[in-house]
Amino acid sequence: FSTFVLIMIVTVGVIAFGATIVAKLLNKASILAYRSLIKTRPV
């Protein structure tokens, strides 16, 4: 039982860590795309 709980905790931790990395990458990509759009299309 303890090993199962440990595996579950590790799995959740890895998923959360990967999700945060993906979110940061998407955030940076969206910011770069937004800046490029502003540069190409000045309002």
N, C-alpha and C. Protein backbone atom coordinates (compact mmCIF):
# COMPACT_ATOMS: atom_id res chain seq x y z
N PHE A 1 0.85 -1.21 0.00
CA PHE A 1 0.00 0.00 0.00
C PHE A 1 0.88 1.25 0.00
N SER A 2 1.92 1.24 0.83
CA SER A 2 2.79 2.42 0.90
C SER A 2 3.49 2.65 -0.44
N THR A 3 3.91 1.56 -1.09
CA THR A 3 4.59 1.71 -2.39
C THR A 3 3.62 2.27 -3.42
N PHE A 4 2.36 1.85 -3.37
CA PHE A 4 1.36 2.36 -4.32
C PHE A 4 1.15 3.86 -4.11
N VAL A 5 1.06 4.27 -2.84
CA VAL A 5 0.88 5.69 -2.53
C VAL A 5 2.10 6.48 -3.01
N LEU A 6 3.29 5.92 -2.81
CA LEU A 6 4.52 6.60 -3.23
C LEU A 6 4.53 6.77 -4.75
N ILE A 7 4.15 5.72 -5.48
CA ILE A 7 4.10 5.79 -6.94
C ILE A 7 3.09 6.85 -7.38
N MET A 8 1.94 6.90 -6.71
CA MET A 8 0.92 7.89 -7.08
C MET A 8 1.45 9.30 -6.85
N ILE A 9 2.11 9.53 -5.71
CA ILE A 9 2.64 10.86 -5.39
C ILE A 9 3.68 11.27 -6.42
N VAL A 10 4.59 10.34 -6.77
CA VAL A 10 5.63 10.64 -7.76
C VAL A 10 5.00 10.95 -9.11
N THR A 11 3.98 10.15 -9.50
CA THR A 11 3.33 10.37 -10.79
C THR A 11 2.67 11.74 -10.84
N VAL A 12 1.95 12.09 -9.78
CA VAL A 12 1.27 13.40 -9.73
C VAL A 12 2.30 14.52 -9.76
N GLY A 13 3.41 14.33 -9.05
CA GLY A 13 4.46 15.35 -9.03
C GLY A 13 5.06 15.56 -10.41
N VAL A 14 5.35 14.46 -11.12
CA VAL A 14 5.93 14.56 -12.46
C VAL A 14 4.95 15.24 -13.42
N ILE A 15 3.66 14.87 -13.32
CA ILE A 15 2.65 15.47 -14.21
C ILE A 15 2.54 16.97 -13.92
N ALA A 16 2.52 17.34 -12.65
CA ALA A 16 2.41 18.76 -12.29
C ALA A 16 3.64 19.52 -12.76
N PHE A 17 4.84 18.93 -12.59
CA PHE A 17 6.08 19.57 -13.01
C PHE A 17 6.07 19.78 -14.52
N GLY A 18 5.67 18.76 -15.27
CA GLY A 18 5.61 18.87 -16.73
C GLY A 18 4.58 19.91 -17.16
N ALA A 19 3.46 19.96 -16.44
CA ALA A 19 2.41 20.92 -16.79
C ALA A 19 2.90 22.35 -16.58
N THR A 20 3.65 22.58 -15.51
CA THR A 20 4.16 23.93 -15.25
C THR A 20 5.16 24.33 -16.32
N ILE A 21 6.01 23.37 -16.75
CA ILE A 21 6.99 23.67 -17.80
C ILE A 21 6.27 24.01 -19.10
N VAL A 22 5.27 23.21 -19.45
CA VAL A 22 4.51 23.46 -20.69
C VAL A 22 3.81 24.81 -20.61
N ALA A 23 3.25 25.12 -19.44
CA ALA A 23 2.55 26.40 -19.28
C ALA A 23 3.52 27.57 -19.45
N LYS A 24 4.73 27.44 -18.88
CA LYS A 24 5.72 28.52 -19.01
C LYS A 24 6.13 28.69 -20.47
N LEU A 25 6.35 27.56 -21.17
CA LEU A 25 6.75 27.64 -22.57
C LEU A 25 5.64 28.28 -23.40
N LEU A 26 4.40 27.88 -23.16
CA LEU A 26 3.27 28.45 -23.91
C LEU A 26 3.14 29.94 -23.61
N ASN A 27 3.37 30.32 -22.35
CA ASN A 27 3.28 31.73 -21.97
C ASN A 27 4.34 32.54 -22.70
N LYS A 28 5.59 32.03 -22.74
CA LYS A 28 6.66 32.74 -23.44
C LYS A 28 6.35 32.83 -24.93
N ALA A 29 5.86 31.74 -25.51
CA ALA A 29 5.56 31.72 -26.94
C ALA A 29 4.45 32.71 -27.26
N SER A 30 3.43 32.76 -26.41
CA SER A 30 2.31 33.69 -26.66
C SER A 30 2.78 35.13 -26.54
N ILE A 31 3.67 35.40 -25.58
CA ILE A 31 4.19 36.77 -25.41
C ILE A 31 5.02 37.16 -26.62
N LEU A 32 5.87 36.25 -27.10
CA LEU A 32 6.69 36.55 -28.28
C LEU A 32 5.80 36.78 -29.49
N ALA A 33 4.78 35.95 -29.66
CA ALA A 33 3.87 36.11 -30.80
C ALA A 33 3.12 37.43 -30.70
N TYR A 34 2.70 37.79 -29.48
CA TYR A 34 1.97 39.04 -29.28
C TYR A 34 2.87 40.24 -29.61
N ARG A 35 4.13 40.18 -29.16
CA ARG A 35 5.06 41.28 -29.44
C ARG A 35 5.33 41.37 -30.94
N SER A 36 5.50 40.23 -31.61
CA SER A 36 5.76 40.26 -33.05
C SER A 36 4.57 40.84 -33.79
N LEU A 37 3.36 40.52 -33.33
CA LEU A 37 2.16 41.07 -33.98
C LEU A 37 2.10 42.58 -33.77
N ILE A 38 2.48 43.03 -32.59
CA ILE A 38 2.47 44.48 -32.31
C ILE A 38 3.50 45.18 -33.19
N LYS A 39 4.68 44.56 -33.37
CA LYS A 39 5.72 45.18 -34.19
C LYS A 39 5.29 45.24 -35.65
N THR A 40 4.68 44.15 -36.15
CA THR A 40 4.30 44.12 -37.56
C THR A 40 3.05 44.94 -37.81
N ARG A 41 2.15 45.01 -36.82
CA ARG A 41 0.91 45.76 -36.99
C ARG A 41 0.76 46.82 -35.91
N PRO A 42 1.39 47.96 -36.06
CA PRO A 42 1.26 49.03 -35.05
C PRO A 42 -0.15 49.60 -35.06
N VAL A 43 -0.72 49.78 -33.89
CA VAL A 43 -2.09 50.30 -33.81
C VAL A 43 -2.05 51.82 -33.73
